[in-house]
Protein backbone atom coordinates (compact mmCIF):
# COMPACT_ATOMS: atom_id res chain seq x y z
CA UNK A 1 0.00 0.00 0.00
CA UNK A 2 1.33 3.40 -0.95
CA UNK A 3 2.01 6.01 1.70
CA UNK A 4 -0.82 8.62 1.59
CA UNK A 5 1.65 11.52 1.47
CA UNK A 6 3.53 9.98 -1.46
CA UNK A 7 0.24 9.27 -3.21
CA UNK A 8 -0.82 12.90 -2.82
CA UNK A 9 2.55 14.05 -4.22
CA UNK A 10 2.24 11.75 -7.23
CA UNK A 11 -1.35 12.81 -7.86
CA UNK A 12 -0.19 16.43 -7.84
CA UNK A 13 2.58 15.62 -10.34
CA UNK A 14 0.00 14.02 -12.64
CA UNK A 15 -1.20 17.57 -13.27
CA UNK A 16 0.72 18.62 -16.34
CA UNK A 17 0.70 21.50 -18.79
CA UNK A 18 -1.42 19.50 -21.25
CA UNK A 19 -5.02 18.53 -20.59
CA UNK A 20 -4.60 15.26 -22.50
CA UNK A 21 -1.78 14.18 -20.19
CA UNK A 22 -3.72 15.28 -17.11
CA UNK A 23 -6.66 13.09 -18.06
CA UNK A 24 -4.59 10.01 -18.91
CA UNK A 25 -2.23 10.19 -15.92
CA UNK A 26 -4.85 11.10 -13.31
CA UNK A 27 -7.19 8.30 -14.45
CA UNK A 28 -4.30 5.84 -14.31
CA UNK A 29 -3.11 6.99 -10.88
CA UNK A 30 -6.61 6.91 -9.39
CA UNK A 31 -7.14 3.38 -10.69
CA UNK A 32 -3.77 1.78 -9.98
CA UNK A 33 -1.57 3.59 -7.44
CA UNK A 34 -3.07 1.75 -4.48
CA UNK A 35 -2.32 -1.67 -5.98
CA UNK A 36 1.14 -1.02 -7.43
CA UNK A 37 4.33 -2.39 -5.88
CA UNK A 38 6.90 0.03 -4.48
CA UNK A 39 9.11 -0.57 -7.53
CA UNK A 40 6.21 0.20 -9.88
CA UNK A 41 5.42 3.37 -7.93
CA UNK A 42 9.09 4.38 -8.18
CA UNK A 43 8.95 3.85 -11.95
CA UNK A 44 5.73 5.87 -12.20
CA UNK A 45 7.41 8.64 -10.19
CA UNK A 46 10.35 8.53 -12.61
CA UNK A 47 7.91 8.73 -15.52
CA UNK A 48 6.32 11.84 -14.04
CA UNK A 49 9.77 13.45 -14.01
CA UNK A 50 9.89 13.32 -17.81
CA UNK A 51 8.94 16.30 -19.95
CA UNK A 52 5.43 16.82 -21.30
CA UNK A 53 6.56 16.43 -24.94
CA UNK A 54 8.23 13.09 -24.08
CA UNK A 55 5.19 11.82 -22.20
CA UNK A 56 2.80 12.92 -24.93
CA UNK A 57 4.90 11.29 -27.63
CA UNK A 58 5.17 8.02 -25.68
CA UNK A 59 1.52 7.86 -24.63
CA UNK A 60 0.29 8.68 -28.14
CA UNK A 61 2.52 5.95 -29.57
CA UNK A 62 4.74 8.26 -31.63
CA UNK A 63 7.90 7.12 -29.83
CA UNK A 64 8.97 4.72 -27.07
CA UNK A 65 11.11 5.32 -24.00
CA UNK A 66 14.51 3.63 -24.13
CA UNK A 67 14.34 2.54 -20.48
CA UNK A 68 12.69 -0.90 -20.20
CA UNK A 69 10.80 -0.11 -16.99
CA UNK A 70 9.48 3.18 -18.34
CA UNK A 71 8.45 1.40 -21.53
CA UNK A 72 6.54 -1.20 -19.51
CA UNK A 73 4.56 1.36 -17.53
CA UNK A 74 3.91 3.50 -20.63
CA UNK A 75 2.54 0.44 -22.44
CA UNK A 76 0.38 -0.44 -19.44
CA UNK A 77 -0.98 3.11 -19.20
CA UNK A 78 -1.81 3.05 -22.92
CA UNK A 79 -3.56 -0.30 -22.52
CA UNK A 80 -5.45 0.96 -19.47
CA UNK A 81 -6.57 4.13 -21.23
CA UNK A 82 -8.41 2.25 -23.98
CA UNK A 83 -12.05 1.73 -22.96
CA UNK A 84 -12.97 -1.88 -22.36
CA UNK A 85 -9.43 -3.22 -22.00
CA UNK A 86 -7.79 -4.39 -18.82
CA UNK A 87 -4.10 -5.14 -18.34
CA UNK A 88 -1.78 -6.06 -15.51
CA UNK A 89 1.60 -4.72 -14.46
CA UNK A 90 4.14 -7.47 -13.83
PDB file of N, CA and C in Angstrom:
ATOM      1  N   UNK A   1       0.852  -1.191   0.000  1.00  0.00           N
ATOM      2  CA  UNK A   1       0.000   0.000   0.000  1.00  0.00           C
ATOM      3  C   UNK A   1       0.888   1.241   0.000  1.00  0.00           C
ATOM      4  N   UNK A   2       0.536   2.177  -0.822  1.00  0.00           N
ATOM      5  CA  UNK A   2       1.330   3.401  -0.951  1.00  0.00           C
ATOM      6  C   UNK A   2       1.067   4.349   0.217  1.00  0.00           C
ATOM      7  N   UNK A   3       2.109   5.014   0.643  1.00  0.00           N
ATOM      8  CA  UNK A   3       2.013   6.012   1.695  1.00  0.00           C
ATOM      9  C   UNK A   3       1.096   7.145   1.208  1.00  0.00           C
ATOM     10  N   UNK A   4       0.124   7.576   2.018  1.00  0.00           N
ATOM     11  CA  UNK A   4      -0.819   8.620   1.585  1.00  0.00           C
ATOM     12  C   UNK A   4      -0.142   9.928   1.162  1.00  0.00           C
ATOM     13  N   UNK A   5       0.941  10.292   1.834  1.00  0.00           N
ATOM     14  CA  UNK A   5       1.651  11.516   1.475  1.00  0.00           C
ATOM     15  C   UNK A   5       2.309  11.378   0.101  1.00  0.00           C
ATOM     16  N   UNK A   6       2.912  10.214  -0.151  1.00  0.00           N
ATOM     17  CA  UNK A   6       3.528   9.981  -1.458  1.00  0.00           C
ATOM     18  C   UNK A   6       2.456   9.938  -2.549  1.00  0.00           C
ATOM     19  N   UNK A   7       1.324   9.323  -2.237  1.00  0.00           N
ATOM     20  CA  UNK A   7       0.236   9.266  -3.212  1.00  0.00           C
ATOM     21  C   UNK A   7      -0.224  10.680  -3.578  1.00  0.00           C
ATOM     22  N   UNK A   8      -0.384  11.522  -2.571  1.00  0.00           N
ATOM     23  CA  UNK A   8      -0.818  12.902  -2.825  1.00  0.00           C
ATOM     24  C   UNK A   8       0.200  13.637  -3.696  1.00  0.00           C
ATOM     25  N   UNK A   9       1.487  13.422  -3.424  1.00  0.00           N
ATOM     26  CA  UNK A   9       2.551  14.052  -4.222  1.00  0.00           C
ATOM     27  C   UNK A   9       2.474  13.586  -5.674  1.00  0.00           C
ATOM     28  N   UNK A  10       2.317  12.282  -5.871  1.00  0.00           N
ATOM     29  CA  UNK A  10       2.241  11.746  -7.228  1.00  0.00           C
ATOM     30  C   UNK A  10       0.996  12.247  -7.955  1.00  0.00           C
ATOM     31  N   UNK A  11      -0.122  12.295  -7.245  1.00  0.00           N
ATOM     32  CA  UNK A  11      -1.351  12.806  -7.864  1.00  0.00           C
ATOM     33  C   UNK A  11      -1.151  14.263  -8.305  1.00  0.00           C
ATOM     34  N   UNK A  12      -0.463  15.041  -7.482  1.00  0.00           N
ATOM     35  CA  UNK A  12      -0.192  16.431  -7.840  1.00  0.00           C
ATOM     36  C   UNK A  12       0.675  16.490  -9.097  1.00  0.00           C
ATOM     37  N   UNK A  13       1.678  15.614  -9.181  1.00  0.00           N
ATOM     38  CA  UNK A  13       2.580  15.619 -10.335  1.00  0.00           C
ATOM     39  C   UNK A  13       1.919  15.070 -11.603  1.00  0.00           C
ATOM     40  N   UNK A  14       0.759  14.448 -11.460  1.00  0.00           N
ATOM     41  CA  UNK A  14      -0.002  14.018 -12.640  1.00  0.00           C
ATOM     42  C   UNK A  14      -0.611  15.218 -13.355  1.00  0.00           C
ATOM     43  N   UNK A  15      -0.688  16.337 -12.665  1.00  0.00           N
ATOM     44  CA  UNK A  15      -1.200  17.574 -13.270  1.00  0.00           C
ATOM     45  C   UNK A  15      -0.085  18.161 -14.118  1.00  0.00           C
ATOM     46  N   UNK A  16      -0.307  18.197 -15.402  1.00  0.00           N
ATOM     47  CA  UNK A  16       0.724  18.620 -16.339  1.00  0.00           C
ATOM     48  C   UNK A  16       0.319  19.927 -17.010  1.00  0.00           C
ATOM     49  N   UNK A  17       1.043  20.303 -18.029  1.00  0.00           N
ATOM     50  CA  UNK A  17       0.699  21.496 -18.790  1.00  0.00           C
ATOM     51  C   UNK A  17      -0.223  21.197 -19.958  1.00  0.00           C
ATOM     52  N   UNK A  18      -0.560  19.914 -20.132  1.00  0.00           N
ATOM     53  CA  UNK A  18      -1.422  19.500 -21.252  1.00  0.00           C
ATOM     54  C   UNK A  18      -2.629  18.745 -20.697  1.00  0.00           C
ATOM     55  N   UNK A  19      -3.803  19.167 -21.069  1.00  0.00           N
ATOM     56  CA  UNK A  19      -5.025  18.533 -20.589  1.00  0.00           C
ATOM     57  C   UNK A  19      -5.049  17.043 -20.910  1.00  0.00           C
ATOM     58  N   UNK A  20      -4.595  16.668 -22.099  1.00  0.00           N
ATOM     59  CA  UNK A  20      -4.604  15.258 -22.500  1.00  0.00           C
ATOM     60  C   UNK A  20      -3.789  14.412 -21.531  1.00  0.00           C
ATOM     61  N   UNK A  21      -2.625  14.914 -21.144  1.00  0.00           N
ATOM     62  CA  UNK A  21      -1.785  14.185 -20.191  1.00  0.00           C
ATOM     63  C   UNK A  21      -2.434  14.142 -18.817  1.00  0.00           C
ATOM     64  N   UNK A  22      -3.022  15.259 -18.394  1.00  0.00           N
ATOM     65  CA  UNK A  22      -3.723  15.282 -17.106  1.00  0.00           C
ATOM     66  C   UNK A  22      -4.751  14.159 -17.041  1.00  0.00           C
ATOM     67  N   UNK A  23      -5.575  14.077 -18.058  1.00  0.00           N
ATOM     68  CA  UNK A  23      -6.655  13.090 -18.062  1.00  0.00           C
ATOM     69  C   UNK A  23      -6.118  11.662 -18.019  1.00  0.00           C
ATOM     70  N   UNK A  24      -5.136  11.364 -18.846  1.00  0.00           N
ATOM     71  CA  UNK A  24      -4.585  10.009 -18.907  1.00  0.00           C
ATOM     72  C   UNK A  24      -3.903   9.643 -17.595  1.00  0.00           C
ATOM     73  N   UNK A  25      -3.026  10.514 -17.108  1.00  0.00           N
ATOM     74  CA  UNK A  25      -2.230  10.194 -15.921  1.00  0.00           C
ATOM     75  C   UNK A  25      -3.069  10.159 -14.650  1.00  0.00           C
ATOM     76  N   UNK A  26      -4.003  11.081 -14.509  1.00  0.00           N
ATOM     77  CA  UNK A  26      -4.847  11.096 -13.306  1.00  0.00           C
ATOM     78  C   UNK A  26      -5.751   9.868 -13.274  1.00  0.00           C
ATOM     79  N   UNK A  27      -6.350   9.518 -14.406  1.00  0.00           N
ATOM     80  CA  UNK A  27      -7.189   8.301 -14.449  1.00  0.00           C
ATOM     81  C   UNK A  27      -6.373   7.077 -14.063  1.00  0.00           C
ATOM     82  N   UNK A  28      -5.166   6.973 -14.611  1.00  0.00           N
ATOM     83  CA  UNK A  28      -4.303   5.836 -14.305  1.00  0.00           C
ATOM     84  C   UNK A  28      -3.960   5.808 -12.815  1.00  0.00           C
ATOM     85  N   UNK A  29      -3.516   6.933 -12.287  1.00  0.00           N
ATOM     86  CA  UNK A  29      -3.110   6.991 -10.883  1.00  0.00           C
ATOM     87  C   UNK A  29      -4.272   6.659  -9.949  1.00  0.00           C
ATOM     88  N   UNK A  30      -5.442   7.196 -10.231  1.00  0.00           N
ATOM     89  CA  UNK A  30      -6.611   6.911  -9.390  1.00  0.00           C
ATOM     90  C   UNK A  30      -6.970   5.430  -9.413  1.00  0.00           C
ATOM     91  N   UNK A  31      -6.771   4.789 -10.541  1.00  0.00           N
ATOM     92  CA  UNK A  31      -7.143   3.379 -10.689  1.00  0.00           C
ATOM     93  C   UNK A  31      -6.099   2.413 -10.147  1.00  0.00           C
ATOM     94  N   UNK A  32      -4.818   2.770 -10.223  1.00  0.00           N
ATOM     95  CA  UNK A  32      -3.771   1.776  -9.984  1.00  0.00           C
ATOM     96  C   UNK A  32      -2.770   2.067  -8.875  1.00  0.00           C
ATOM     97  N   UNK A  33      -2.608   3.300  -8.435  1.00  0.00           N
ATOM     98  CA  UNK A  33      -1.573   3.592  -7.442  1.00  0.00           C
ATOM     99  C   UNK A  33      -1.689   2.733  -6.189  1.00  0.00           C
ATOM    100  N   UNK A  34      -2.889   2.507  -5.720  1.00  0.00           N
ATOM    101  CA  UNK A  34      -3.074   1.751  -4.476  1.00  0.00           C
ATOM    102  C   UNK A  34      -2.690   0.281  -4.599  1.00  0.00           C
ATOM    103  N   UNK A  35      -2.617  -0.241  -5.804  1.00  0.00           N
ATOM    104  CA  UNK A  35      -2.319  -1.667  -5.978  1.00  0.00           C
ATOM    105  C   UNK A  35      -0.923  -1.922  -6.551  1.00  0.00           C
ATOM    106  N   UNK A  36      -0.183  -0.868  -6.834  1.00  0.00           N
ATOM    107  CA  UNK A  36       1.144  -1.017  -7.429  1.00  0.00           C
ATOM    108  C   UNK A  36       2.186  -1.355  -6.364  1.00  0.00           C
ATOM    109  N   UNK A  37       3.216  -2.098  -6.781  1.00  0.00           N
ATOM    110  CA  UNK A  37       4.333  -2.386  -5.885  1.00  0.00           C
ATOM    111  C   UNK A  37       5.161  -1.115  -5.707  1.00  0.00           C
ATOM    112  N   UNK A  38       6.045  -1.134  -4.715  1.00  0.00           N
ATOM    113  CA  UNK A  38       6.905   0.026  -4.480  1.00  0.00           C
ATOM    114  C   UNK A  38       7.780   0.310  -5.703  1.00  0.00           C
ATOM    115  N   UNK A  39       8.278  -0.733  -6.332  1.00  0.00           N
ATOM    116  CA  UNK A  39       9.112  -0.568  -7.533  1.00  0.00           C
ATOM    117  C   UNK A  39       8.300   0.058  -8.670  1.00  0.00           C
ATOM    118  N   UNK A  40       7.065  -0.370  -8.840  1.00  0.00           N
ATOM    119  CA  UNK A  40       6.206   0.201  -9.879  1.00  0.00           C
ATOM    120  C   UNK A  40       5.899   1.669  -9.590  1.00  0.00           C
ATOM    121  N   UNK A  41       5.668   1.981  -8.316  1.00  0.00           N
ATOM    122  CA  UNK A  41       5.417   3.374  -7.932  1.00  0.00           C
ATOM    123  C   UNK A  41       6.659   4.217  -8.204  1.00  0.00           C
ATOM    124  N   UNK A  42       7.841   3.665  -7.893  1.00  0.00           N
ATOM    125  CA  UNK A  42       9.090   4.380  -8.180  1.00  0.00           C
ATOM    126  C   UNK A  42       9.218   4.661  -9.679  1.00  0.00           C
ATOM    127  N   UNK A  43       8.876   3.678 -10.497  1.00  0.00           N
ATOM    128  CA  UNK A  43       8.949   3.854 -11.951  1.00  0.00           C
ATOM    129  C   UNK A  43       7.943   4.902 -12.417  1.00  0.00           C
ATOM    130  N   UNK A  44       6.735   4.871 -11.853  1.00  0.00           N
ATOM    131  CA  UNK A  44       5.726   5.875 -12.202  1.00  0.00           C
ATOM    132  C   UNK A  44       6.214   7.269 -11.808  1.00  0.00           C
ATOM    133  N   UNK A  45       6.840   7.376 -10.643  1.00  0.00           N
ATOM    134  CA  UNK A  45       7.406   8.643 -10.188  1.00  0.00           C
ATOM    135  C   UNK A  45       8.481   9.120 -11.167  1.00  0.00           C
ATOM    136  N   UNK A  46       9.324   8.200 -11.614  1.00  0.00           N
ATOM    137  CA  UNK A  46      10.352   8.534 -12.607  1.00  0.00           C
ATOM    138  C   UNK A  46       9.704   9.012 -13.912  1.00  0.00           C
ATOM    139  N   UNK A  47       8.632   8.344 -14.313  1.00  0.00           N
ATOM    140  CA  UNK A  47       7.911   8.731 -15.525  1.00  0.00           C
ATOM    141  C   UNK A  47       7.393  10.161 -15.410  1.00  0.00           C
ATOM    142  N   UNK A  48       6.864  10.499 -14.242  1.00  0.00           N
ATOM    143  CA  UNK A  48       6.321  11.842 -14.040  1.00  0.00           C
ATOM    144  C   UNK A  48       7.406  12.915 -14.061  1.00  0.00           C
ATOM    145  N   UNK A  49       8.665  12.506 -13.923  1.00  0.00           N
ATOM    146  CA  UNK A  49       9.773  13.445 -14.011  1.00  0.00           C
ATOM    147  C   UNK A  49      10.176  13.771 -15.441  1.00  0.00           C
ATOM    148  N   UNK A  50       9.588  13.081 -16.394  1.00  0.00           N
ATOM    149  CA  UNK A  50       9.893  13.321 -17.809  1.00  0.00           C
ATOM    150  C   UNK A  50       9.132  14.555 -18.298  1.00  0.00           C
ATOM    151  N   UNK A  51       9.573  15.088 -19.416  1.00  0.00           N
ATOM    152  CA  UNK A  51       8.938  16.299 -19.950  1.00  0.00           C
ATOM    153  C   UNK A  51       7.578  15.982 -20.581  1.00  0.00           C
ATOM    154  N   UNK A  52       6.741  16.998 -20.668  1.00  0.00           N
ATOM    155  CA  UNK A  52       5.433  16.818 -21.301  1.00  0.00           C
ATOM    156  C   UNK A  52       5.550  16.338 -22.749  1.00  0.00           C
ATOM    157  N   UNK A  53       6.446  16.926 -23.559  1.00  0.00           N
ATOM    158  CA  UNK A  53       6.558  16.426 -24.936  1.00  0.00           C
ATOM    159  C   UNK A  53       6.959  14.947 -25.006  1.00  0.00           C
ATOM    160  N   UNK A  54       7.858  14.509 -24.105  1.00  0.00           N
ATOM    161  CA  UNK A  54       8.234  13.091 -24.079  1.00  0.00           C
ATOM    162  C   UNK A  54       7.027  12.227 -23.724  1.00  0.00           C
ATOM    163  N   UNK A  55       6.352  12.594 -22.640  1.00  0.00           N
ATOM    164  CA  UNK A  55       5.186  11.818 -22.198  1.00  0.00           C
ATOM    165  C   UNK A  55       4.121  11.754 -23.286  1.00  0.00           C
ATOM    166  N   UNK A  56       3.828  12.881 -23.891  1.00  0.00           N
ATOM    167  CA  UNK A  56       2.801  12.917 -24.929  1.00  0.00           C
ATOM    168  C   UNK A  56       3.189  12.010 -26.090  1.00  0.00           C
ATOM    169  N   UNK A  57       4.421  12.105 -26.521  1.00  0.00           N
ATOM    170  CA  UNK A  57       4.903  11.285 -27.633  1.00  0.00           C
ATOM    171  C   UNK A  57       4.818   9.799 -27.300  1.00  0.00           C
ATOM    172  N   UNK A  58       5.215   9.425 -26.098  1.00  0.00           N
ATOM    173  CA  UNK A  58       5.171   8.019 -25.685  1.00  0.00           C
ATOM    174  C   UNK A  58       3.735   7.519 -25.558  1.00  0.00           C
ATOM    175  N   UNK A  59       2.894   8.309 -24.888  1.00  0.00           N
ATOM    176  CA  UNK A  59       1.525   7.857 -24.626  1.00  0.00           C
ATOM    177  C   UNK A  59       0.649   7.865 -25.878  1.00  0.00           C
ATOM    178  N   UNK A  60       1.020   8.672 -26.866  1.00  0.00           N
ATOM    179  CA  UNK A  60       0.293   8.679 -28.137  1.00  0.00           C
ATOM    180  C   UNK A  60       0.853   7.651 -29.114  1.00  0.00           C
ATOM    181  N   UNK A  61       1.948   6.993 -28.736  1.00  0.00           N
ATOM    182  CA  UNK A  61       2.522   5.948 -29.572  1.00  0.00           C
ATOM    183  C   UNK A  61       3.426   6.447 -30.685  1.00  0.00           C
ATOM    184  N   UNK A  62       3.858   7.705 -30.608  1.00  0.00           N
ATOM    185  CA  UNK A  62       4.744   8.260 -31.634  1.00  0.00           C
ATOM    186  C   UNK A  62       6.196   7.860 -31.418  1.00  0.00           C
ATOM    187  N   UNK A  63       6.539   7.526 -30.187  1.00  0.00           N
ATOM    188  CA  UNK A  63       7.901   7.122 -29.828  1.00  0.00           C
ATOM    189  C   UNK A  63       7.801   6.211 -28.611  1.00  0.00           C
ATOM    190  N   UNK A  64       8.927   5.601 -28.244  1.00  0.00           N
ATOM    191  CA  UNK A  64       8.972   4.724 -27.071  1.00  0.00           C
ATOM    192  C   UNK A  64      10.150   5.126 -26.196  1.00  0.00           C
ATOM    193  N   UNK A  65       9.965   5.053 -24.874  1.00  0.00           N
ATOM    194  CA  UNK A  65      11.109   5.325 -24.003  1.00  0.00           C
ATOM    195  C   UNK A  65      12.160   4.226 -24.166  1.00  0.00           C
ATOM    196  N   UNK A  66      13.416   4.596 -24.012  1.00  0.00           N
ATOM    197  CA  UNK A  66      14.509   3.632 -24.130  1.00  0.00           C
ATOM    198  C   UNK A  66      14.551   2.721 -22.900  1.00  0.00           C
ATOM    199  N   UNK A  67      14.304   3.295 -21.728  1.00  0.00           N
ATOM    200  CA  UNK A  67      14.345   2.542 -20.478  1.00  0.00           C
ATOM    201  C   UNK A  67      13.250   1.474 -20.463  1.00  0.00           C
ATOM    202  N   UNK A  68      13.623   0.235 -20.173  1.00  0.00           N
ATOM    203  CA  UNK A  68      12.690  -0.897 -20.202  1.00  0.00           C
ATOM    204  C   UNK A  68      11.535  -0.728 -19.208  1.00  0.00           C
ATOM    205  N   UNK A  69      11.843  -0.272 -17.998  1.00  0.00           N
ATOM    206  CA  UNK A  69      10.796  -0.113 -16.987  1.00  0.00           C
ATOM    207  C   UNK A  69       9.829   1.010 -17.354  1.00  0.00           C
ATOM    208  N   UNK A  70      10.363   2.105 -17.891  1.00  0.00           N
ATOM    209  CA  UNK A  70       9.481   3.184 -18.344  1.00  0.00           C
ATOM    210  C   UNK A  70       8.611   2.708 -19.499  1.00  0.00           C
ATOM    211  N   UNK A  71       9.210   1.942 -20.402  1.00  0.00           N
ATOM    212  CA  UNK A  71       8.447   1.404 -21.533  1.00  0.00           C
ATOM    213  C   UNK A  71       7.300   0.530 -21.037  1.00  0.00           C
ATOM    214  N   UNK A  72       7.575  -0.311 -20.036  1.00  0.00           N
ATOM    215  CA  UNK A  72       6.536  -1.201 -19.514  1.00  0.00           C
ATOM    216  C   UNK A  72       5.369  -0.416 -18.923  1.00  0.00           C
ATOM    217  N   UNK A  73       5.659   0.607 -18.147  1.00  0.00           N
ATOM    218  CA  UNK A  73       4.562   1.357 -17.533  1.00  0.00           C
ATOM    219  C   UNK A  73       3.834   2.212 -18.565  1.00  0.00           C
ATOM    220  N   UNK A  74       4.557   2.744 -19.548  1.00  0.00           N
ATOM    221  CA  UNK A  74       3.907   3.500 -20.626  1.00  0.00           C
ATOM    222  C   UNK A  74       2.949   2.589 -21.390  1.00  0.00           C
ATOM    223  N   UNK A  75       3.402   1.387 -21.721  1.00  0.00           N
ATOM    224  CA  UNK A  75       2.542   0.440 -22.444  1.00  0.00           C
ATOM    225  C   UNK A  75       1.323   0.068 -21.608  1.00  0.00           C
ATOM    226  N   UNK A  76       1.513  -0.108 -20.312  1.00  0.00           N
ATOM    227  CA  UNK A  76       0.384  -0.441 -19.444  1.00  0.00           C
ATOM    228  C   UNK A  76      -0.602   0.721 -19.361  1.00  0.00           C
ATOM    229  N   UNK A  77      -0.099   1.940 -19.246  1.00  0.00           N
ATOM    230  CA  UNK A  77      -0.983   3.110 -19.204  1.00  0.00           C
ATOM    231  C   UNK A  77      -1.778   3.205 -20.499  1.00  0.00           C
ATOM    232  N   UNK A  78      -1.111   3.000 -21.629  1.00  0.00           N
ATOM    233  CA  UNK A  78      -1.807   3.046 -22.919  1.00  0.00           C
ATOM    234  C   UNK A  78      -2.885   1.967 -22.994  1.00  0.00           C
ATOM    235  N   UNK A  79      -2.583   0.786 -22.519  1.00  0.00           N
ATOM    236  CA  UNK A  79      -3.556  -0.303 -22.517  1.00  0.00           C
ATOM    237  C   UNK A  79      -4.728   0.046 -21.606  1.00  0.00           C
ATOM    238  N   UNK A  80      -4.427   0.583 -20.445  1.00  0.00           N
ATOM    239  CA  UNK A  80      -5.452   0.960 -19.470  1.00  0.00           C
ATOM    240  C   UNK A  80      -6.360   2.057 -20.011  1.00  0.00           C
ATOM    241  N   UNK A  81      -5.807   2.967 -20.783  1.00  0.00           N
ATOM    242  CA  UNK A  81      -6.568   4.131 -21.231  1.00  0.00           C
ATOM    243  C   UNK A  81      -7.529   3.829 -22.375  1.00  0.00           C
ATOM    244  N   UNK A  82      -7.471   2.624 -22.924  1.00  0.00           N
ATOM    245  CA  UNK A  82      -8.407   2.251 -23.983  1.00  0.00           C
ATOM    246  C   UNK A  82      -9.657   1.655 -23.336  1.00  0.00           C
ATOM    247  N   UNK A  83     -10.811   2.233 -23.576  1.00  0.00           N
ATOM    248  CA  UNK A  83     -12.046   1.731 -22.965  1.00  0.00           C
ATOM    249  C   UNK A  83     -12.259   0.249 -23.250  1.00  0.00           C
ATOM    250  N   UNK A  84     -12.640  -0.475 -22.201  1.00  0.00           N
ATOM    251  CA  UNK A  84     -12.973  -1.885 -22.361  1.00  0.00           C
ATOM    252  C   UNK A  84     -11.803  -2.840 -22.275  1.00  0.00           C
ATOM    253  N   UNK A  85     -10.583  -2.330 -22.097  1.00  0.00           N
ATOM    254  CA  UNK A  85      -9.428  -3.217 -21.997  1.00  0.00           C
ATOM    255  C   UNK A  85      -8.850  -3.164 -20.597  1.00  0.00           C
ATOM    256  N   UNK A  86      -8.401  -4.306 -20.131  1.00  0.00           N
ATOM    257  CA  UNK A  86      -7.787  -4.387 -18.815  1.00  0.00           C
ATOM    258  C   UNK A  86      -6.437  -5.066 -18.964  1.00  0.00           C
ATOM    259  N   UNK A  87      -5.426  -4.541 -18.308  1.00  0.00           N
ATOM    260  CA  UNK A  87      -4.096  -5.143 -18.341  1.00  0.00           C
ATOM    261  C   UNK A  87      -3.559  -5.286 -16.936  1.00  0.00           C
ATOM    262  N   UNK A  88      -2.390  -5.860 -16.823  1.00  0.00           N
ATOM    263  CA  UNK A  88      -1.782  -6.057 -15.508  1.00  0.00           C
ATOM    264  C   UNK A  88      -0.305  -5.724 -15.568  1.00  0.00           C
ATOM    265  N   UNK A  89       0.160  -4.955 -14.583  1.00  0.00           N
ATOM    266  CA  UNK A  89       1.597  -4.722 -14.455  1.00  0.00           C
ATOM    267  C   UNK A  89       2.228  -5.985 -13.906  1.00  0.00           C
ATOM    268  N   UNK A  90       3.437  -6.286 -14.345  1.00  0.00           N
ATOM    269  CA  UNK A  90       4.138  -7.472 -13.832  1.00  0.00           C
ATOM    270  C   UNK A  90       4.705  -7.214 -12.479  1.00  0.00           C
TER     271      UNK A  90
END
